[in-house]
PDB file of all heavy atoms in Angstrom:
ATOM      1  N   LYS A   1     -27.146 -33.015   0.733  1.00  0.00           N
ATOM      2  CA  LYS A   1     -25.969 -32.578   1.468  1.00  0.00           C
ATOM      3  C   LYS A   1     -26.138 -32.987   2.921  1.00  0.00           C
ATOM      4  O   LYS A   1     -27.254 -33.229   3.392  1.00  0.00           O
ATOM      5  CB  LYS A   1     -25.779 -31.064   1.350  1.00  0.00           C
ATOM      6  CG  LYS A   1     -26.921 -30.240   1.909  1.00  0.00           C
ATOM      7  CD  LYS A   1     -26.645 -28.748   1.731  1.00  0.00           C
ATOM      8  CE  LYS A   1     -27.797 -27.905   2.311  1.00  0.00           C
ATOM      9  NZ  LYS A   1     -27.541 -26.461   2.161  1.00  0.00           N
ATOM     10  N   GLU A   2     -25.030 -33.048   3.631  1.00  0.00           N
ATOM     11  CA  GLU A   2     -25.105 -33.472   5.028  1.00  0.00           C
ATOM     12  C   GLU A   2     -25.786 -32.395   5.871  1.00  0.00           C
ATOM     13  O   GLU A   2     -25.439 -31.218   5.803  1.00  0.00           O
ATOM     14  CB  GLU A   2     -23.705 -33.756   5.570  1.00  0.00           C
ATOM     15  CG  GLU A   2     -23.719 -34.361   6.955  1.00  0.00           C
ATOM     16  CD  GLU A   2     -22.337 -34.789   7.407  1.00  0.00           C
ATOM     17  OE1 GLU A   2     -21.344 -34.327   6.808  1.00  0.00           O
ATOM     18  OE2 GLU A   2     -22.255 -35.588   8.364  1.00  0.00           O
ATOM     19  N   ILE A   3     -26.774 -32.812   6.649  1.00  0.00           N
ATOM     20  CA  ILE A   3     -27.498 -31.910   7.539  1.00  0.00           C
ATOM     21  C   ILE A   3     -27.061 -32.206   8.971  1.00  0.00           C
ATOM     22  O   ILE A   3     -27.250 -33.326   9.461  1.00  0.00           O
ATOM     23  CB  ILE A   3     -29.023 -32.081   7.404  1.00  0.00           C
ATOM     24  CG1 ILE A   3     -29.459 -31.927   5.931  1.00  0.00           C
ATOM     25  CG2 ILE A   3     -29.758 -31.094   8.293  1.00  0.00           C
ATOM     26  CD1 ILE A   3     -29.190 -30.571   5.330  1.00  0.00           C
ATOM     27  N   ILE A   4     -26.485 -31.207   9.626  1.00  0.00           N
ATOM     28  CA  ILE A   4     -25.976 -31.414  10.986  1.00  0.00           C
ATOM     29  C   ILE A   4     -27.080 -31.254  12.024  1.00  0.00           C
ATOM     30  O   ILE A   4     -27.268 -32.102  12.892  1.00  0.00           O
ATOM     31  CB  ILE A   4     -24.814 -30.446  11.284  1.00  0.00           C
ATOM     32  CG1 ILE A   4     -23.696 -30.617  10.238  1.00  0.00           C
ATOM     33  CG2 ILE A   4     -24.294 -30.683  12.691  1.00  0.00           C
ATOM     34  CD1 ILE A   4     -23.094 -31.995  10.198  1.00  0.00           C
ATOM     35  N   ASP A   5     -27.828 -30.151  11.943  1.00  0.00           N
ATOM     36  CA  ASP A   5     -28.872 -29.878  12.936  1.00  0.00           C
ATOM     37  C   ASP A   5     -30.179 -30.499  12.469  1.00  0.00           C
ATOM     38  O   ASP A   5     -31.055 -29.827  11.918  1.00  0.00           O
ATOM     39  CB  ASP A   5     -29.023 -28.362  13.127  1.00  0.00           C
ATOM     40  CG  ASP A   5     -29.896 -28.012  14.334  1.00  0.00           C
ATOM     41  OD1 ASP A   5     -30.437 -28.942  14.957  1.00  0.00           O
ATOM     42  OD2 ASP A   5     -30.036 -26.818  14.641  1.00  0.00           O
ATOM     43  N   ILE A   6     -30.323 -31.793  12.695  1.00  0.00           N
ATOM     44  CA  ILE A   6     -31.485 -32.523  12.205  1.00  0.00           C
ATOM     45  C   ILE A   6     -32.763 -32.065  12.898  1.00  0.00           C
ATOM     46  O   ILE A   6     -33.787 -31.834  12.254  1.00  0.00           O
ATOM     47  CB  ILE A   6     -31.281 -34.038  12.387  1.00  0.00           C
ATOM     48  CG1 ILE A   6     -30.102 -34.509  11.528  1.00  0.00           C
ATOM     49  CG2 ILE A   6     -32.543 -34.814  12.007  1.00  0.00           C
ATOM     50  CD1 ILE A   6     -29.682 -35.932  11.807  1.00  0.00           C
ATOM     51  N   ALA A   7     -32.711 -31.906  14.203  1.00  0.00           N
ATOM     52  CA  ALA A   7     -33.916 -31.559  14.974  1.00  0.00           C
ATOM     53  C   ALA A   7     -34.539 -30.260  14.498  1.00  0.00           C
ATOM     54  O   ALA A   7     -35.761 -30.095  14.538  1.00  0.00           O
ATOM     55  CB  ALA A   7     -33.581 -31.473  16.459  1.00  0.00           C
ATOM     56  N   ALA A   8     -33.722 -29.337  14.034  1.00  0.00           N
ATOM     57  CA  ALA A   8     -34.229 -28.036  13.592  1.00  0.00           C
ATOM     58  C   ALA A   8     -34.826 -28.083  12.194  1.00  0.00           C
ATOM     59  O   ALA A   8     -35.437 -27.111  11.750  1.00  0.00           O
ATOM     60  CB  ALA A   8     -33.114 -26.993  13.635  1.00  0.00           C
ATOM     61  N   ASN A   9     -34.675 -29.226  11.518  1.00  0.00           N
ATOM     62  CA  ASN A   9     -35.090 -29.303  10.113  1.00  0.00           C
ATOM     63  C   ASN A   9     -36.149 -30.350   9.836  1.00  0.00           C
ATOM     64  O   ASN A   9     -36.426 -30.654   8.671  1.00  0.00           O
ATOM     65  CB  ASN A   9     -33.865 -29.584   9.235  1.00  0.00           C
ATOM     66  CG  ASN A   9     -32.972 -28.371   9.066  1.00  0.00           C
ATOM     67  OD1 ASN A   9     -33.299 -27.454   8.329  1.00  0.00           O
ATOM     68  ND2 ASN A   9     -31.848 -28.361   9.758  1.00  0.00           N
ATOM     69  N   VAL A  10     -36.751 -30.923  10.875  1.00  0.00           N
ATOM     70  CA  VAL A  10     -37.754 -31.958  10.659  1.00  0.00           C
ATOM     71  C   VAL A  10     -39.107 -31.503  11.201  1.00  0.00           C
ATOM     72  O   VAL A  10     -39.200 -30.589  12.019  1.00  0.00           O
ATOM     73  CB  VAL A  10     -37.351 -33.289  11.344  1.00  0.00           C
ATOM     74  CG1 VAL A  10     -36.102 -33.867  10.700  1.00  0.00           C
ATOM     75  CG2 VAL A  10     -37.143 -33.099  12.839  1.00  0.00           C
ATOM     76  N   TYR A  11     -40.163 -32.169  10.732  1.00  0.00           N
ATOM     77  CA  TYR A  11     -41.491 -31.898  11.254  1.00  0.00           C
ATOM     78  C   TYR A  11     -41.558 -32.321  12.727  1.00  0.00           C
ATOM     79  O   TYR A  11     -40.907 -33.289  13.138  1.00  0.00           O
ATOM     80  CB  TYR A  11     -42.550 -32.666  10.462  1.00  0.00           C
ATOM     81  CG  TYR A  11     -42.712 -32.204   9.034  1.00  0.00           C
ATOM     82  CD1 TYR A  11     -42.464 -33.070   7.967  1.00  0.00           C
ATOM     83  CD2 TYR A  11     -43.134 -30.913   8.739  1.00  0.00           C
ATOM     84  CE1 TYR A  11     -42.637 -32.654   6.648  1.00  0.00           C
ATOM     85  CE2 TYR A  11     -43.309 -30.488   7.434  1.00  0.00           C
ATOM     86  CZ  TYR A  11     -43.052 -31.361   6.394  1.00  0.00           C
ATOM     87  OH  TYR A  11     -43.226 -30.949   5.092  1.00  0.00           O
ATOM     88  N   THR A  12     -42.373 -31.624  13.495  1.00  0.00           N
ATOM     89  CA  THR A  12     -42.492 -31.971  14.913  1.00  0.00           C
ATOM     90  C   THR A  12     -43.348 -33.218  15.094  1.00  0.00           C
ATOM     91  O   THR A  12     -44.189 -33.555  14.244  1.00  0.00           O
ATOM     92  CB  THR A  12     -43.121 -30.830  15.730  1.00  0.00           C
ATOM     93  OG1 THR A  12     -44.490 -30.675  15.341  1.00  0.00           O
ATOM     94  CG2 THR A  12     -42.367 -29.529  15.523  1.00  0.00           C
ATOM     95  N   HIS A  13     -43.136 -33.889  16.202  1.00  0.00           N
ATOM     96  CA  HIS A  13     -43.919 -35.073  16.559  1.00  0.00           C
ATOM     97  C   HIS A  13     -45.412 -34.755  16.526  1.00  0.00           C
ATOM     98  O   HIS A  13     -46.206 -35.478  15.908  1.00  0.00           O
ATOM     99  CB  HIS A  13     -43.475 -35.526  17.952  1.00  0.00           C
ATOM    100  CG  HIS A  13     -44.155 -36.746  18.458  1.00  0.00           C
ATOM    101  ND1 HIS A  13     -43.738 -37.396  19.590  1.00  0.00           N
ATOM    102  CD2 HIS A  13     -45.235 -37.448  18.026  1.00  0.00           C
ATOM    103  CE1 HIS A  13     -44.510 -38.439  19.824  1.00  0.00           C
ATOM    104  NE2 HIS A  13     -45.434 -38.489  18.886  1.00  0.00           N
ATOM    105  N   ASN A  14     -45.802 -33.674  17.151  1.00  0.00           N
ATOM    106  CA  ASN A  14     -47.228 -33.322  17.219  1.00  0.00           C
ATOM    107  C   ASN A  14     -47.819 -33.039  15.841  1.00  0.00           C
ATOM    108  O   ASN A  14     -48.948 -33.467  15.542  1.00  0.00           O
ATOM    109  CB  ASN A  14     -47.431 -32.108  18.129  1.00  0.00           C
ATOM    110  CG  ASN A  14     -47.269 -32.444  19.604  1.00  0.00           C
ATOM    111  OD1 ASN A  14     -47.378 -33.605  19.995  1.00  0.00           O
ATOM    112  ND2 ASN A  14     -46.986 -31.445  20.415  1.00  0.00           N
ATOM    113  N   ASP A  15     -47.058 -32.327  15.006  1.00  0.00           N
ATOM    114  CA  ASP A  15     -47.563 -32.028  13.658  1.00  0.00           C
ATOM    115  C   ASP A  15     -47.738 -33.300  12.843  1.00  0.00           C
ATOM    116  O   ASP A  15     -48.702 -33.453  12.086  1.00  0.00           O
ATOM    117  CB  ASP A  15     -46.609 -31.073  12.933  1.00  0.00           C
ATOM    118  CG  ASP A  15     -46.749 -29.635  13.400  1.00  0.00           C
ATOM    119  OD1 ASP A  15     -47.737 -29.330  14.101  1.00  0.00           O
ATOM    120  OD2 ASP A  15     -45.874 -28.815  13.052  1.00  0.00           O
ATOM    121  N   ILE A  16     -46.798 -34.227  12.981  1.00  0.00           N
ATOM    122  CA  ILE A  16     -46.871 -35.484  12.235  1.00  0.00           C
ATOM    123  C   ILE A  16     -48.104 -36.280  12.634  1.00  0.00           C
ATOM    124  O   ILE A  16     -48.883 -36.728  11.782  1.00  0.00           O
ATOM    125  CB  ILE A  16     -45.589 -36.311  12.460  1.00  0.00           C
ATOM    126  CG1 ILE A  16     -44.384 -35.627  11.809  1.00  0.00           C
ATOM    127  CG2 ILE A  16     -45.759 -37.736  11.918  1.00  0.00           C
ATOM    128  CD1 ILE A  16     -43.046 -36.146  12.297  1.00  0.00           C
ATOM    129  N   ILE A  17     -48.321 -36.440  13.928  1.00  0.00           N
ATOM    130  CA  ILE A  17     -49.424 -37.275  14.399  1.00  0.00           C
ATOM    131  C   ILE A  17     -50.772 -36.621  14.120  1.00  0.00           C
ATOM    132  O   ILE A  17     -51.727 -37.289  13.687  1.00  0.00           O
ATOM    133  CB  ILE A  17     -49.257 -37.586  15.894  1.00  0.00           C
ATOM    134  CG1 ILE A  17     -47.970 -38.395  16.114  1.00  0.00           C
ATOM    135  CG2 ILE A  17     -50.463 -38.360  16.424  1.00  0.00           C
ATOM    136  CD1 ILE A  17     -47.859 -39.653  15.270  1.00  0.00           C
ATOM    137  N   SER A  18     -50.880 -35.320  14.320  1.00  0.00           N
ATOM    138  CA  SER A  18     -52.161 -34.645  14.065  1.00  0.00           C
ATOM    139  C   SER A  18     -52.495 -34.650  12.583  1.00  0.00           C
ATOM    140  O   SER A  18     -53.660 -34.847  12.193  1.00  0.00           O
ATOM    141  CB  SER A  18     -52.137 -33.211  14.602  1.00  0.00           C
ATOM    142  OG  SER A  18     -51.150 -32.435  13.946  1.00  0.00           O
ATOM    143  N   THR A  19     -51.483 -34.472  11.728  1.00  0.00           N
ATOM    144  CA  THR A  19     -51.712 -34.499  10.284  1.00  0.00           C
ATOM    145  C   THR A  19     -52.134 -35.892   9.827  1.00  0.00           C
ATOM    146  O   THR A  19     -53.044 -36.051   9.006  1.00  0.00           O
ATOM    147  CB  THR A  19     -50.450 -34.052   9.521  1.00  0.00           C
ATOM    148  OG1 THR A  19     -50.082 -32.745   9.943  1.00  0.00           O
ATOM    149  CG2 THR A  19     -50.700 -34.041   8.016  1.00  0.00           C
ATOM    150  N   LEU A  20     -51.482 -36.908  10.362  1.00  0.00           N
ATOM    151  CA  LEU A  20     -51.834 -38.278   9.993  1.00  0.00           C
ATOM    152  C   LEU A  20     -53.248 -38.615  10.451  1.00  0.00           C
ATOM    153  O   LEU A  20     -54.026 -39.206   9.685  1.00  0.00           O
ATOM    154  CB  LEU A  20     -50.838 -39.257  10.605  1.00  0.00           C
ATOM    155  CG  LEU A  20     -51.141 -40.739  10.368  1.00  0.00           C
ATOM    156  CD1 LEU A  20     -51.191 -41.069   8.887  1.00  0.00           C
ATOM    157  CD2 LEU A  20     -50.113 -41.621  11.086  1.00  0.00           C
ATOM    158  N   GLU A  21     -53.594 -38.241  11.661  1.00  0.00           N
ATOM    159  CA  GLU A  21     -54.941 -38.559  12.144  1.00  0.00           C
ATOM    160  C   GLU A  21     -56.005 -37.863  11.303  1.00  0.00           C
ATOM    161  O   GLU A  21     -57.036 -38.467  10.972  1.00  0.00           O
ATOM    162  CB  GLU A  21     -55.111 -38.173  13.610  1.00  0.00           C
ATOM    163  CG  GLU A  21     -56.484 -38.570  14.152  1.00  0.00           C
ATOM    164  CD  GLU A  21     -56.579 -38.536  15.652  1.00  0.00           C
ATOM    165  OE1 GLU A  21     -55.796 -37.789  16.281  1.00  0.00           O
ATOM    166  OE2 GLU A  21     -57.435 -39.252  16.205  1.00  0.00           O
ATOM    167  N   THR A  22     -55.763 -36.626  10.922  1.00  0.00           N
ATOM    168  CA  THR A  22     -56.715 -35.912  10.065  1.00  0.00           C
ATOM    169  C   THR A  22     -56.904 -36.650   8.744  1.00  0.00           C
ATOM    170  O   THR A  22     -58.040 -36.818   8.267  1.00  0.00           O
ATOM    171  CB  THR A  22     -56.219 -34.482   9.799  1.00  0.00           C
ATOM    172  OG1 THR A  22     -56.176 -33.764  11.036  1.00  0.00           O
ATOM    173  CG2 THR A  22     -57.135 -33.755   8.824  1.00  0.00           C
ATOM    174  N   ARG A  23     -55.802 -37.106   8.157  1.00  0.00           N
ATOM    175  CA  ARG A  23     -55.894 -37.806   6.871  1.00  0.00           C
ATOM    176  C   ARG A  23     -56.593 -39.153   7.025  1.00  0.00           C
ATOM    177  O   ARG A  23     -57.395 -39.552   6.160  1.00  0.00           O
ATOM    178  CB  ARG A  23     -54.503 -38.008   6.279  1.00  0.00           C
ATOM    179  CG  ARG A  23     -54.514 -38.643   4.886  1.00  0.00           C
ATOM    180  CD  ARG A  23     -55.168 -37.741   3.879  1.00  0.00           C
ATOM    181  NE  ARG A  23     -55.167 -38.337   2.544  1.00  0.00           N
ATOM    182  CZ  ARG A  23     -56.259 -38.513   1.806  1.00  0.00           C
ATOM    183  NH1 ARG A  23     -57.458 -38.133   2.261  1.00  0.00           N
ATOM    184  NH2 ARG A  23     -56.158 -39.052   0.601  1.00  0.00           N
ATOM    185  N   LEU A  24     -56.332 -39.860   8.096  1.00  0.00           N
ATOM    186  CA  LEU A  24     -56.996 -41.144   8.319  1.00  0.00           C
ATOM    187  C   LEU A  24     -58.496 -40.962   8.494  1.00  0.00           C
ATOM    188  O   LEU A  24     -59.295 -41.756   7.975  1.00  0.00           O
ATOM    189  CB  LEU A  24     -56.397 -41.838   9.545  1.00  0.00           C
ATOM    190  CG  LEU A  24     -54.948 -42.328   9.403  1.00  0.00           C
ATOM    191  CD1 LEU A  24     -54.433 -42.863  10.727  1.00  0.00           C
ATOM    192  CD2 LEU A  24     -54.794 -43.360   8.307  1.00  0.00           C
ATOM    193  N   LYS A  25     -58.892 -39.920   9.191  1.00  0.00           N
ATOM    194  CA  LYS A  25     -60.319 -39.631   9.345  1.00  0.00           C
ATOM    195  C   LYS A  25     -60.964 -39.351   7.992  1.00  0.00           C
ATOM    196  O   LYS A  25     -62.083 -39.784   7.719  1.00  0.00           O
ATOM    197  CB  LYS A  25     -60.510 -38.431  10.277  1.00  0.00           C
ATOM    198  CG  LYS A  25     -60.259 -38.725  11.745  1.00  0.00           C
ATOM    199  CD  LYS A  25     -60.448 -37.463  12.591  1.00  0.00           C
ATOM    200  CE  LYS A  25     -60.263 -37.736  14.063  1.00  0.00           C
ATOM    201  NZ  LYS A  25     -60.389 -36.491  14.883  1.00  0.00           N
ATOM    202  N   GLU A  26     -60.247 -38.617   7.133  1.00  0.00           N
ATOM    203  CA  GLU A  26     -60.765 -38.327   5.790  1.00  0.00           C
ATOM    204  C   GLU A  26     -60.956 -39.601   4.991  1.00  0.00           C
ATOM    205  O   GLU A  26     -61.973 -39.775   4.302  1.00  0.00           O
ATOM    206  CB  GLU A  26     -59.801 -37.391   5.045  1.00  0.00           C
ATOM    207  CG  GLU A  26     -59.728 -35.982   5.591  1.00  0.00           C
ATOM    208  CD  GLU A  26     -58.636 -35.157   4.940  1.00  0.00           C
ATOM    209  OE1 GLU A  26     -57.824 -35.736   4.177  1.00  0.00           O
ATOM    210  OE2 GLU A  26     -58.578 -33.945   5.200  1.00  0.00           O
ATOM    211  N   LEU A  27     -59.986 -40.504   5.072  1.00  0.00           N
ATOM    212  CA  LEU A  27     -60.068 -41.757   4.321  1.00  0.00           C
ATOM    213  C   LEU A  27     -61.219 -42.626   4.807  1.00  0.00           C
ATOM    214  O   LEU A  27     -61.890 -43.280   4.009  1.00  0.00           O
ATOM    215  CB  LEU A  27     -58.746 -42.514   4.419  1.00  0.00           C
ATOM    216  CG  LEU A  27     -57.558 -41.872   3.692  1.00  0.00           C
ATOM    217  CD1 LEU A  27     -56.257 -42.558   4.080  1.00  0.00           C
ATOM    218  CD2 LEU A  27     -57.753 -41.917   2.180  1.00  0.00           C
ATOM    219  N   VAL A  28     -61.436 -42.632   6.123  1.00  0.00           N
ATOM    220  CA  VAL A  28     -62.577 -43.378   6.672  1.00  0.00           C
ATOM    221  C   VAL A  28     -63.880 -42.782   6.150  1.00  0.00           C
ATOM    222  O   VAL A  28     -64.792 -43.515   5.718  1.00  0.00           O
ATOM    223  CB  VAL A  28     -62.546 -43.359   8.213  1.00  0.00           C
ATOM    224  CG1 VAL A  28     -63.862 -43.896   8.777  1.00  0.00           C
ATOM    225  CG2 VAL A  28     -61.375 -44.183   8.734  1.00  0.00           C
ATOM    226  N   LYS A  29     -63.977 -41.468   6.170  1.00  0.00           N
ATOM    227  CA  LYS A  29     -65.187 -40.783   5.697  1.00  0.00           C
ATOM    228  C   LYS A  29     -65.426 -41.054   4.222  1.00  0.00           C
ATOM    229  O   LYS A  29     -66.569 -41.219   3.777  1.00  0.00           O
ATOM    230  CB  LYS A  29     -65.066 -39.287   5.954  1.00  0.00           C
ATOM    231  CG  LYS A  29     -66.328 -38.494   5.629  1.00  0.00           C
ATOM    232  CD  LYS A  29     -66.152 -37.023   5.981  1.00  0.00           C
ATOM    233  CE  LYS A  29     -67.414 -36.222   5.664  1.00  0.00           C
ATOM    234  NZ  LYS A  29     -67.254 -34.775   6.026  1.00  0.00           N
ATOM    235  N   GLU A  30     -64.333 -41.117   3.446  1.00  0.00           N
ATOM    236  CA  GLU A  30     -64.436 -41.361   2.005  1.00  0.00           C
ATOM    237  C   GLU A  30     -64.606 -42.841   1.691  1.00  0.00           C
ATOM    238  O   GLU A  30     -64.732 -43.222   0.525  1.00  0.00           O
ATOM    239  CB  GLU A  30     -63.180 -40.832   1.302  1.00  0.00           C
ATOM    240  CG  GLU A  30     -63.010 -39.316   1.402  1.00  0.00           C
ATOM    241  CD  GLU A  30     -61.602 -38.870   1.024  1.00  0.00           C
ATOM    242  OE1 GLU A  30     -60.772 -39.746   0.659  1.00  0.00           O
ATOM    243  OE2 GLU A  30     -61.317 -37.662   1.119  1.00  0.00           O
ATOM    244  N   GLN A  31     -64.561 -43.680   2.723  1.00  0.00           N
ATOM    245  CA  GLN A  31     -64.685 -45.134   2.595  1.00  0.00           C
ATOM    246  C   GLN A  31     -63.604 -45.710   1.671  1.00  0.00           C
ATOM    247  O   GLN A  31     -63.851 -46.602   0.870  1.00  0.00           O
ATOM    248  CB  GLN A  31     -66.077 -45.522   2.093  1.00  0.00           C
ATOM    249  CG  GLN A  31     -67.202 -45.150   3.067  1.00  0.00           C
ATOM    250  CD  GLN A  31     -68.564 -45.656   2.629  1.00  0.00           C
ATOM    251  OE1 GLN A  31     -68.917 -45.579   1.453  1.00  0.00           O
ATOM    252  NE2 GLN A  31     -69.326 -46.196   3.566  1.00  0.00           N
ATOM    253  N   LYS A  32     -62.386 -45.185   1.840  1.00  0.00           N
ATOM    254  CA  LYS A  32     -61.242 -45.680   1.088  1.00  0.00           C
ATOM    255  C   LYS A  32     -60.393 -46.568   1.988  1.00  0.00           C
ATOM    256  O   LYS A  32     -60.276 -46.322   3.187  1.00  0.00           O
ATOM    257  CB  LYS A  32     -60.405 -44.513   0.567  1.00  0.00           C
ATOM    258  CG  LYS A  32     -61.112 -43.687  -0.501  1.00  0.00           C
ATOM    259  CD  LYS A  32     -60.201 -42.587  -1.023  1.00  0.00           C
ATOM    260  CE  LYS A  32     -60.876 -41.782  -2.121  1.00  0.00           C
ATOM    261  NZ  LYS A  32     -60.012 -40.676  -2.611  1.00  0.00           N
ATOM    262  N   SER A  33     -59.841 -47.593   1.406  1.00  0.00           N
ATOM    263  CA  SER A  33     -59.018 -48.519   2.176  1.00  0.00           C
ATOM    264  C   SER A  33     -57.535 -48.259   1.913  1.00  0.00           C
ATOM    265  O   SER A  33     -57.157 -47.718   0.871  1.00  0.00           O
ATOM    266  CB  SER A  33     -59.359 -49.963   1.820  1.00  0.00           C
ATOM    267  OG  SER A  33     -59.048 -50.228   0.460  1.00  0.00           O
TER     268      SER A  33
END
């Protein structure tokens, strides 16, 4: 359905970047490409 208030319904910039960095660190530790 159409979402009008997009900003109120998305993940925050900080949460996205911190979550991604945590996952990338895990992949490096696990030696996965």
